[in-house]
C-alpha atoms as a PDB file:
ATOM      1  CA  UNK A   1      25.524  20.196  18.193  1.00  0.00           C
ATOM      2  CA  UNK A   2      23.893  17.282  20.014  1.00  0.00           C
ATOM      3  CA  UNK A   3      26.312  15.240  22.101  1.00  0.00           C
ATOM      4  CA  UNK A   4      23.793  13.085  23.913  1.00  0.00           C
ATOM      5  CA  UNK A   5      20.521  11.749  22.604  1.00  0.00           C
ATOM      6  CA  UNK A   6      18.065  10.119  24.974  1.00  0.00           C
ATOM      7  CA  UNK A   7      17.439   6.447  24.372  1.00  0.00           C
ATOM      8  CA  UNK A   8      14.102   6.628  26.129  1.00  0.00           C
ATOM      9  CA  UNK A   9      11.048   6.368  23.884  1.00  0.00           C
ATOM     10  CA  UNK A  10       8.848   9.396  23.360  1.00  0.00           C
ATOM     11  CA  UNK A  11       5.870   7.162  24.019  1.00  0.00           C
ATOM     12  CA  UNK A  12       4.577   3.632  24.097  1.00  0.00           C
ATOM     13  CA  UNK A  13       1.435   2.244  22.536  1.00  0.00           C
ATOM     14  CA  UNK A  14       0.315  -1.305  23.287  1.00  0.00           C
ATOM     15  CA  UNK A  15      -2.437  -3.128  21.423  1.00  0.00           C
ATOM     16  CA  UNK A  16      -3.519  -6.193  23.383  1.00  0.00           C
ATOM     17  CA  UNK A  17      -6.886  -7.818  24.018  1.00  0.00           C
ATOM     18  CA  UNK A  18      -5.701  -9.962  26.947  1.00  0.00           C
ATOM     19  CA  UNK A  19      -6.408  -8.240  30.277  1.00  0.00           C
ATOM     20  CA  UNK A  20      -3.632 -10.061  32.148  1.00  0.00           C
ATOM     21  CA  UNK A  21      -1.091  -8.848  29.586  1.00  0.00           C
ATOM     22  CA  UNK A  22      -2.507  -5.310  29.856  1.00  0.00           C
ATOM     23  CA  UNK A  23      -2.037  -5.342  33.635  1.00  0.00           C
ATOM     24  CA  UNK A  24       1.589  -6.415  33.208  1.00  0.00           C
ATOM     25  CA  UNK A  25       2.157  -3.650  30.661  1.00  0.00           C
ATOM     26  CA  UNK A  26       0.588  -1.047  32.957  1.00  0.00           C
ATOM     27  CA  UNK A  27       2.695  -2.198  35.910  1.00  0.00           C
ATOM     28  CA  UNK A  28       6.045  -2.354  34.103  1.00  0.00           C
ATOM     29  CA  UNK A  29       5.596   0.534  31.648  1.00  0.00           C
ATOM     30  CA  UNK A  30       3.352   3.138  33.284  1.00  0.00           C
ATOM     31  CA  UNK A  31       1.975   5.716  30.912  1.00  0.00           C
ATOM     32  CA  UNK A  32       1.675   3.284  28.008  1.00  0.00           C
ATOM     33  CA  UNK A  33      -1.319   4.136  25.858  1.00  0.00           C
ATOM     34  CA  UNK A  34      -3.355   0.916  25.678  1.00  0.00           C
ATOM     35  CA  UNK A  35      -5.735  -0.180  22.957  1.00  0.00           C
ATOM     36  CA  UNK A  36      -7.726  -3.367  23.519  1.00  0.00           C
ATOM     37  CA  UNK A  37      -8.552  -4.403  19.942  1.00  0.00           C
ATOM     38  CA  UNK A  38      -6.304  -4.181  16.875  1.00  0.00           C
ATOM     39  CA  UNK A  39      -9.396  -3.807  14.688  1.00  0.00           C
ATOM     40  CA  UNK A  40     -10.011  -0.361  16.235  1.00  0.00           C
ATOM     41  CA  UNK A  41      -6.655   0.950  15.005  1.00  0.00           C
ATOM     42  CA  UNK A  42      -7.819   3.028  12.058  1.00  0.00           C
ATOM     43  CA  UNK A  43      -6.193   5.726   9.957  1.00  0.00           C
ATOM     44  CA  UNK A  44      -7.742   8.347  12.251  1.00  0.00           C
ATOM     45  CA  UNK A  45      -6.206   6.680  15.326  1.00  0.00           C
ATOM     46  CA  UNK A  46      -2.757   6.545  13.719  1.00  0.00           C
ATOM     47  CA  UNK A  47      -3.135  10.170  12.616  1.00  0.00           C
ATOM     48  CA  UNK A  48      -3.757  11.076  16.283  1.00  0.00           C
ATOM     49  CA  UNK A  49      -0.543   9.248  17.195  1.00  0.00           C
ATOM     50  CA  UNK A  50       1.395  11.210  14.576  1.00  0.00           C
ATOM     51  CA  UNK A  51       0.019  14.481  15.982  1.00  0.00           C
ATOM     52  CA  UNK A  52       0.940  13.407  19.532  1.00  0.00           C
ATOM     53  CA  UNK A  53       4.497  12.404  18.625  1.00  0.00           C
ATOM     54  CA  UNK A  54       5.517  15.157  16.200  1.00  0.00           C
ATOM     55  CA  UNK A  55       9.267  14.847  16.807  1.00  0.00           C
ATOM     56  CA  UNK A  56       9.509  11.071  16.459  1.00  0.00           C
ATOM     57  CA  UNK A  57      12.330   9.864  14.206  1.00  0.00           C
ATOM     58  CA  UNK A  58      11.934   6.091  14.539  1.00  0.00           C
ATOM     59  CA  UNK A  59       9.052   3.745  15.336  1.00  0.00           C
ATOM     60  CA  UNK A  60       9.525   0.177  16.522  1.00  0.00           C
ATOM     61  CA  UNK A  61       6.612  -2.177  15.898  1.00  0.00           C
ATOM     62  CA  UNK A  62       6.877  -5.329  18.014  1.00  0.00           C
ATOM     63  CA  UNK A  63       4.144  -7.774  17.095  1.00  0.00           C
ATOM     64  CA  UNK A  64       2.957 -11.262  17.777  1.00  0.00           C
ATOM     65  CA  UNK A  65      -0.251 -13.062  16.955  1.00  0.00           C
ATOM     66  CA  UNK A  66      -1.972 -16.235  18.189  1.00  0.00           C
ATOM     67  CA  UNK A  67      -0.311 -19.435  17.020  1.00  0.00           C
ATOM     68  CA  UNK A  68      -3.238 -21.835  17.456  1.00  0.00           C
ATOM     69  CA  UNK A  69      -3.828 -22.110  13.701  1.00  0.00           C
ATOM     70  CA  UNK A  70      -0.099 -22.388  12.866  1.00  0.00           C
ATOM     71  CA  UNK A  71       1.276 -24.861  15.380  1.00  0.00           C
ATOM     72  CA  UNK A  72       2.356 -28.238  14.029  1.00  0.00           C
ATOM     73  CA  UNK A  73       0.590 -29.939  16.948  1.00  0.00           C
ATOM     74  CA  UNK A  74      -2.852 -28.936  15.649  1.00  0.00           C
ATOM     75  CA  UNK A  75      -4.509 -31.296  13.198  1.00  0.00           C
ATOM     76  CA  UNK A  76      -6.375 -29.560  10.391  1.00  0.00           C
ATOM     77  CA  UNK A  77      -4.708 -26.250  11.077  1.00  0.00           C
ATOM     78  CA  UNK A  78      -5.738 -23.385   8.805  1.00  0.00           C
ATOM     79  CA  UNK A  79      -2.472 -21.436   9.038  1.00  0.00           C
ATOM     80  CA  UNK A  80      -2.863 -17.686   8.457  1.00  0.00           C
ATOM     81  CA  UNK A  81      -6.474 -18.136   7.361  1.00  0.00           C
ATOM     82  CA  UNK A  82      -7.487 -19.515  10.760  1.00  0.00           C
ATOM     83  CA  UNK A  83      -9.703 -17.504  13.111  1.00  0.00           C
ATOM     84  CA  UNK A  84      -6.906 -16.624  15.548  1.00  0.00           C
ATOM     85  CA  UNK A  85      -3.733 -16.577  13.473  1.00  0.00           C
ATOM     86  CA  UNK A  86      -5.373 -14.471  10.763  1.00  0.00           C
ATOM     87  CA  UNK A  87      -4.687 -11.549  13.106  1.00  0.00           C
ATOM     88  CA  UNK A  88      -1.278 -11.620  11.419  1.00  0.00           C
ATOM     89  CA  UNK A  89      -2.818  -9.617   8.556  1.00  0.00           C
ATOM     90  CA  UNK A  90      -3.502  -6.719  10.920  1.00  0.00           C
ATOM     91  CA  UNK A  91       0.244  -6.162  11.342  1.00  0.00           C
ATOM     92  CA  UNK A  92       1.039  -5.094   7.745  1.00  0.00           C
ATOM     93  CA  UNK A  93      -2.218  -3.085   7.681  1.00  0.00           C
ATOM     94  CA  UNK A  94      -1.222  -1.060  10.758  1.00  0.00           C
ATOM     95  CA  UNK A  95       2.417  -0.723   9.640  1.00  0.00           C
ATOM     96  CA  UNK A  96       1.212   0.705   6.315  1.00  0.00           C
ATOM     97  CA  UNK A  97      -0.959   3.235   8.164  1.00  0.00           C
ATOM     98  CA  UNK A  98       1.979   4.211  10.372  1.00  0.00           C
ATOM     99  CA  UNK A  99       4.264   4.734   7.372  1.00  0.00           C
ATOM    100  CA  UNK A 100       1.648   6.776   5.528  1.00  0.00           C
ATOM    101  CA  UNK A 101       0.642   8.964   8.474  1.00  0.00           C
ATOM    102  CA  UNK A 102       4.103   9.571   9.965  1.00  0.00           C
ATOM    103  CA  UNK A 103       5.735  10.120   6.575  1.00  0.00           C
ATOM    104  CA  UNK A 104       8.835   8.968   4.758  1.00  0.00           C
ATOM    105  CA  UNK A 105      11.273  10.698   7.115  1.00  0.00           C
ATOM    106  CA  UNK A 106      10.310   8.394  10.022  1.00  0.00           C
ATOM    107  CA  UNK A 107      12.098   5.038  10.128  1.00  0.00           C
ATOM    108  CA  UNK A 108       9.778   2.111  10.901  1.00  0.00           C
ATOM    109  CA  UNK A 109      11.345  -1.100  12.197  1.00  0.00           C
ATOM    110  CA  UNK A 110       9.382  -4.311  12.708  1.00  0.00           C
ATOM    111  CA  UNK A 111       9.939  -7.371  14.884  1.00  0.00           C
ATOM    112  CA  UNK A 112       7.445 -10.245  14.607  1.00  0.00           C
ATOM    113  CA  UNK A 113       7.329 -13.510  16.527  1.00  0.00           C
ATOM    114  CA  UNK A 114       5.439 -16.768  16.329  1.00  0.00           C
ATOM    115  CA  UNK A 115       6.062 -20.525  16.260  1.00  0.00           C
ATOM    116  CA  UNK A 116       8.840 -22.396  14.491  1.00  0.00           C
ATOM    117  CA  UNK A 117       6.593 -25.345  13.667  1.00  0.00           C
ATOM    118  CA  UNK A 118       4.579 -23.489  11.049  1.00  0.00           C
ATOM    119  CA  UNK A 119       3.557 -25.437   7.978  1.00  0.00           C
ATOM    120  CA  UNK A 120       5.825 -24.481   5.035  1.00  0.00           C
ATOM    121  CA  UNK A 121       2.722 -23.545   3.023  1.00  0.00           C
ATOM    122  CA  UNK A 122       1.957 -20.832   5.605  1.00  0.00           C
ATOM    123  CA  UNK A 123       5.107 -18.843   4.910  1.00  0.00           C
END
């Protein structure tokens, strides 16, 4: 019978292209596995994660993406089809890979953030 279960994560993986953000991650969460480009997260990469974290029961995906193409202050914004904000589409792609490679017994929770001033047609 388990009376106490650790609340510490088994591991942390950060995907971030910004070097300043990567330095902050490394300083505050040492040992975080860092990936510089979301486009390099393939099925093979996620499969390696699932082999590394065999006993994981729950995965939390915290994601954000550039708001330049969504912000109400930008004239002619292209919403989720814009060069920067289209990175949004990488989130469901990676979440799908995680669910497929870790299996149905692993709970996947997602938290996404962006701007409130998005155009209604972008939602």
